[in-house]
Amino acid sequence: MTETSPTSTIDDMPPTDAQKMERIDFAVPKPLLDEAIAMAKEDGFKPAEFFRQVWLDGLFAYAEKSNKVLVNRKLRRQATETDESK
């Protein structure tokens, strides 16, 4: 029986639809990673699926927040222009 490494490399991974995706790497504190992996297991996700979903949810939340900021800036600018024209 051969010993396997606890982590896989890209070369070890079987062919999947993931080849159509871009790979990103970023660092998080170990306790946060451990908590995320535990949540993924509890919710029945593979870690990669869970991280993709969390990343997408975060992106959508950021976009919504950003859009609100842009709308508020536009509204303030319009209000200022209206006040100046009086």
N, C-alpha and C. Protein backbone atom coordinates (compact mmCIF):
# COMPACT_ATOMS: atom_id res chain seq x y z
N MET A 1 0.84 -1.17 0.00
CA MET A 1 0.00 0.00 0.00
C MET A 1 0.89 1.24 0.00
N THR A 2 0.62 2.16 -0.90
CA THR A 2 1.43 3.36 -0.96
C THR A 2 0.81 4.45 -0.12
N GLU A 3 1.67 5.27 0.43
CA GLU A 3 1.20 6.40 1.23
C GLU A 3 0.86 7.56 0.31
N THR A 4 -0.26 8.20 0.57
CA THR A 4 -0.64 9.35 -0.25
C THR A 4 -0.52 10.61 0.57
N SER A 5 -0.28 11.69 -0.12
CA SER A 5 -0.19 12.99 0.52
C SER A 5 -1.60 13.45 0.88
N PRO A 6 -1.75 14.16 2.02
CA PRO A 6 -3.09 14.63 2.38
C PRO A 6 -3.62 15.72 1.44
N THR A 7 -2.73 16.34 0.68
CA THR A 7 -3.19 17.35 -0.27
C THR A 7 -2.89 16.87 -1.68
N SER A 8 -3.75 17.25 -2.62
CA SER A 8 -3.57 16.89 -4.01
C SER A 8 -2.98 18.05 -4.77
N THR A 9 -2.31 17.74 -5.85
CA THR A 9 -1.83 18.79 -6.73
C THR A 9 -2.72 18.82 -7.95
N ILE A 10 -2.59 19.86 -8.74
CA ILE A 10 -3.40 19.97 -9.95
C ILE A 10 -3.14 18.78 -10.87
N ASP A 11 -1.91 18.29 -10.90
CA ASP A 11 -1.57 17.16 -11.76
C ASP A 11 -2.29 15.88 -11.33
N ASP A 12 -2.66 15.78 -10.04
CA ASP A 12 -3.32 14.58 -9.53
C ASP A 12 -4.83 14.60 -9.77
N MET A 13 -5.37 15.76 -10.13
CA MET A 13 -6.82 15.91 -10.21
C MET A 13 -7.37 15.27 -11.48
N PRO A 14 -8.52 14.60 -11.37
CA PRO A 14 -9.14 14.00 -12.56
C PRO A 14 -9.74 15.09 -13.45
N PRO A 15 -9.92 14.83 -14.73
CA PRO A 15 -10.52 15.81 -15.63
C PRO A 15 -11.97 16.11 -15.21
N THR A 16 -12.29 17.39 -15.15
CA THR A 16 -13.65 17.84 -14.82
C THR A 16 -13.94 19.13 -15.58
N ASP A 17 -15.11 19.70 -15.33
CA ASP A 17 -15.45 21.00 -15.90
C ASP A 17 -14.57 22.11 -15.35
N ALA A 18 -13.82 21.84 -14.30
CA ALA A 18 -12.99 22.87 -13.67
C ALA A 18 -11.94 23.41 -14.65
N GLN A 19 -11.61 22.66 -15.69
CA GLN A 19 -10.64 23.16 -16.65
C GLN A 19 -11.16 24.41 -17.34
N LYS A 20 -12.48 24.63 -17.33
CA LYS A 20 -13.06 25.81 -17.96
C LYS A 20 -13.05 27.01 -17.02
N MET A 21 -12.57 26.81 -15.80
CA MET A 21 -12.56 27.86 -14.79
C MET A 21 -11.16 28.38 -14.58
N GLU A 22 -11.08 29.56 -14.00
CA GLU A 22 -9.79 30.14 -13.63
C GLU A 22 -9.49 29.79 -12.17
N ARG A 23 -8.27 29.46 -11.89
CA ARG A 23 -7.86 29.12 -10.52
C ARG A 23 -7.37 30.37 -9.83
N ILE A 24 -7.81 30.59 -8.60
CA ILE A 24 -7.33 31.71 -7.80
C ILE A 24 -6.80 31.17 -6.48
N ASP A 25 -5.83 31.83 -5.93
CA ASP A 25 -5.27 31.46 -4.63
C ASP A 25 -5.27 32.69 -3.73
N PHE A 26 -5.66 32.50 -2.49
CA PHE A 26 -5.57 33.57 -1.51
C PHE A 26 -5.41 32.93 -0.13
N ALA A 27 -4.95 33.72 0.80
CA ALA A 27 -4.66 33.21 2.14
C ALA A 27 -5.73 33.65 3.13
N VAL A 28 -6.09 32.75 4.02
CA VAL A 28 -7.01 33.05 5.12
C VAL A 28 -6.41 32.46 6.40
N PRO A 29 -6.77 33.01 7.55
CA PRO A 29 -6.28 32.44 8.80
C PRO A 29 -6.73 30.99 8.96
N LYS A 30 -5.88 30.14 9.51
CA LYS A 30 -6.17 28.71 9.66
C LYS A 30 -7.47 28.45 10.41
N PRO A 31 -7.75 29.15 11.52
CA PRO A 31 -9.03 28.89 12.21
C PRO A 31 -10.25 29.17 11.31
N LEU A 32 -10.16 30.19 10.49
CA LEU A 32 -11.25 30.51 9.57
C LEU A 32 -11.41 29.42 8.52
N LEU A 33 -10.31 28.92 7.99
CA LEU A 33 -10.34 27.83 7.02
C LEU A 33 -10.95 26.57 7.64
N ASP A 34 -10.51 26.25 8.86
CA ASP A 34 -11.04 25.06 9.53
C ASP A 34 -12.54 25.18 9.76
N GLU A 35 -13.00 26.37 10.14
CA GLU A 35 -14.43 26.60 10.35
C GLU A 35 -15.20 26.47 9.04
N ALA A 36 -14.64 27.00 7.96
CA ALA A 36 -15.29 26.91 6.66
C ALA A 36 -15.40 25.46 6.20
N ILE A 37 -14.36 24.69 6.38
CA ILE A 37 -14.37 23.28 5.98
C ILE A 37 -15.40 22.51 6.80
N ALA A 38 -15.50 22.82 8.09
CA ALA A 38 -16.50 22.16 8.94
C ALA A 38 -17.91 22.52 8.48
N MET A 39 -18.14 23.79 8.12
CA MET A 39 -19.46 24.19 7.62
C MET A 39 -19.78 23.47 6.32
N ALA A 40 -18.79 23.35 5.44
CA ALA A 40 -19.01 22.67 4.17
C ALA A 40 -19.45 21.23 4.41
N LYS A 41 -18.77 20.55 5.31
CA LYS A 41 -19.13 19.16 5.62
C LYS A 41 -20.53 19.07 6.20
N GLU A 42 -20.85 19.99 7.14
CA GLU A 42 -22.18 19.97 7.76
C GLU A 42 -23.29 20.22 6.75
N ASP A 43 -23.00 21.05 5.75
CA ASP A 43 -24.01 21.38 4.74
C ASP A 43 -23.99 20.42 3.55
N GLY A 44 -23.09 19.43 3.58
CA GLY A 44 -23.05 18.43 2.52
C GLY A 44 -22.35 18.87 1.25
N PHE A 45 -21.49 19.89 1.35
CA PHE A 45 -20.73 20.37 0.19
C PHE A 45 -19.32 19.81 0.21
N LYS A 46 -18.75 19.63 -0.95
CA LYS A 46 -17.31 19.42 -1.05
C LYS A 46 -16.69 20.78 -0.79
N PRO A 47 -15.50 20.84 -0.19
CA PRO A 47 -14.90 22.15 0.11
C PRO A 47 -14.82 23.08 -1.10
N ALA A 48 -14.44 22.57 -2.26
CA ALA A 48 -14.32 23.43 -3.45
C ALA A 48 -15.67 24.04 -3.83
N GLU A 49 -16.73 23.24 -3.76
CA GLU A 49 -18.07 23.75 -4.07
C GLU A 49 -18.47 24.82 -3.08
N PHE A 50 -18.19 24.57 -1.81
CA PHE A 50 -18.53 25.51 -0.75
C PHE A 50 -17.79 26.83 -0.94
N PHE A 51 -16.49 26.76 -1.21
CA PHE A 51 -15.71 27.99 -1.38
C PHE A 51 -16.16 28.77 -2.61
N ARG A 52 -16.52 28.07 -3.67
CA ARG A 52 -17.04 28.74 -4.86
C ARG A 52 -18.34 29.48 -4.54
N GLN A 53 -19.22 28.82 -3.80
CA GLN A 53 -20.50 29.44 -3.43
C GLN A 53 -20.30 30.64 -2.52
N VAL A 54 -19.42 30.50 -1.54
CA VAL A 54 -19.13 31.62 -0.63
C VAL A 54 -18.53 32.78 -1.41
N TRP A 55 -17.63 32.49 -2.34
CA TRP A 55 -17.00 33.54 -3.15
C TRP A 55 -18.06 34.26 -3.99
N LEU A 56 -18.95 33.50 -4.61
CA LEU A 56 -20.01 34.11 -5.43
C LEU A 56 -20.97 34.93 -4.58
N ASP A 57 -21.37 34.38 -3.42
CA ASP A 57 -22.26 35.13 -2.53
C ASP A 57 -21.60 36.43 -2.09
N GLY A 58 -20.32 36.37 -1.79
CA GLY A 58 -19.59 37.57 -1.40
C GLY A 58 -19.50 38.57 -2.54
N LEU A 59 -19.29 38.08 -3.75
CA LEU A 59 -19.22 38.96 -4.92
C LEU A 59 -20.55 39.67 -5.14
N PHE A 60 -21.65 38.91 -5.03
CA PHE A 60 -22.98 39.51 -5.23
C PHE A 60 -23.28 40.53 -4.13
N ALA A 61 -22.90 40.22 -2.88
CA ALA A 61 -23.12 41.16 -1.78
C ALA A 61 -22.31 42.43 -2.01
N TYR A 62 -21.07 42.28 -2.46
CA TYR A 62 -20.23 43.44 -2.74
C TYR A 62 -20.82 44.28 -3.87
N ALA A 63 -21.27 43.62 -4.94
CA ALA A 63 -21.85 44.35 -6.07
C ALA A 63 -23.10 45.11 -5.65
N GLU A 64 -23.93 44.50 -4.83
CA GLU A 64 -25.14 45.17 -4.35
C GLU A 64 -24.77 46.39 -3.52
N LYS A 65 -23.80 46.23 -2.63
CA LYS A 65 -23.35 47.36 -1.81
C LYS A 65 -22.76 48.46 -2.68
N SER A 66 -21.96 48.09 -3.64
CA SER A 66 -21.33 49.05 -4.54
C SER A 66 -22.38 49.80 -5.35
N ASN A 67 -23.39 49.08 -5.84
CA ASN A 67 -24.46 49.73 -6.60
C ASN A 67 -25.22 50.73 -5.74
N LYS A 68 -25.47 50.38 -4.48
CA LYS A 68 -26.16 51.31 -3.57
C LYS A 68 -25.34 52.57 -3.38
N VAL A 69 -24.04 52.42 -3.24
CA VAL A 69 -23.16 53.58 -3.07
C VAL A 69 -23.22 54.46 -4.32
N LEU A 70 -23.15 53.85 -5.49
CA LEU A 70 -23.21 54.62 -6.73
C LEU A 70 -24.54 55.34 -6.89
N VAL A 71 -25.63 54.68 -6.56
CA VAL A 71 -26.95 55.31 -6.66
C VAL A 71 -27.04 56.47 -5.68
N ASN A 72 -26.56 56.27 -4.46
CA ASN A 72 -26.60 57.36 -3.47
C ASN A 72 -25.75 58.55 -3.92
N ARG A 73 -24.58 58.29 -4.48
CA ARG A 73 -23.74 59.39 -4.99
C ARG A 73 -24.48 60.16 -6.08
N LYS A 74 -25.10 59.42 -6.99
CA LYS A 74 -25.82 60.06 -8.10
C LYS A 74 -26.98 60.90 -7.56
N LEU A 75 -27.72 60.36 -6.61
CA LEU A 75 -28.84 61.09 -6.03
C LEU A 75 -28.36 62.35 -5.29
N ARG A 76 -27.25 62.24 -4.54
CA ARG A 76 -26.71 63.42 -3.85
C ARG A 76 -26.25 64.47 -4.85
N ARG A 77 -25.60 64.03 -5.93
CA ARG A 77 -25.12 64.96 -6.95
C ARG A 77 -26.32 65.68 -7.61
N GLN A 78 -27.37 64.91 -7.90
CA GLN A 78 -28.57 65.51 -8.51
C GLN A 78 -29.22 66.50 -7.53
N ALA A 79 -29.26 66.17 -6.24
CA ALA A 79 -29.85 67.08 -5.25
C ALA A 79 -29.03 68.35 -5.13
N THR A 80 -27.70 68.21 -5.17
CA THR A 80 -26.82 69.38 -5.10
C THR A 80 -27.01 70.27 -6.33
N GLU A 81 -27.08 69.67 -7.50
CA GLU A 81 -27.27 70.43 -8.73
C GLU A 81 -28.63 71.14 -8.72
N THR A 82 -29.65 70.51 -8.18
CA THR A 82 -30.98 71.10 -8.09
C THR A 82 -30.95 72.29 -7.12
N ASP A 83 -30.27 72.13 -5.98
CA ASP A 83 -30.16 73.23 -4.99
C ASP A 83 -29.39 74.41 -5.57
N GLU A 84 -28.34 74.14 -6.35
CA GLU A 84 -27.53 75.22 -6.92
C GLU A 84 -28.28 75.99 -8.00
N SER A 85 -29.21 75.32 -8.67
CA SER A 85 -29.94 75.99 -9.77
C SER A 85 -31.08 76.87 -9.24
N LYS A 86 -31.40 76.77 -7.95
CA LYS A 86 -32.48 77.59 -7.38
C LYS A 86 -32.04 79.00 -7.11
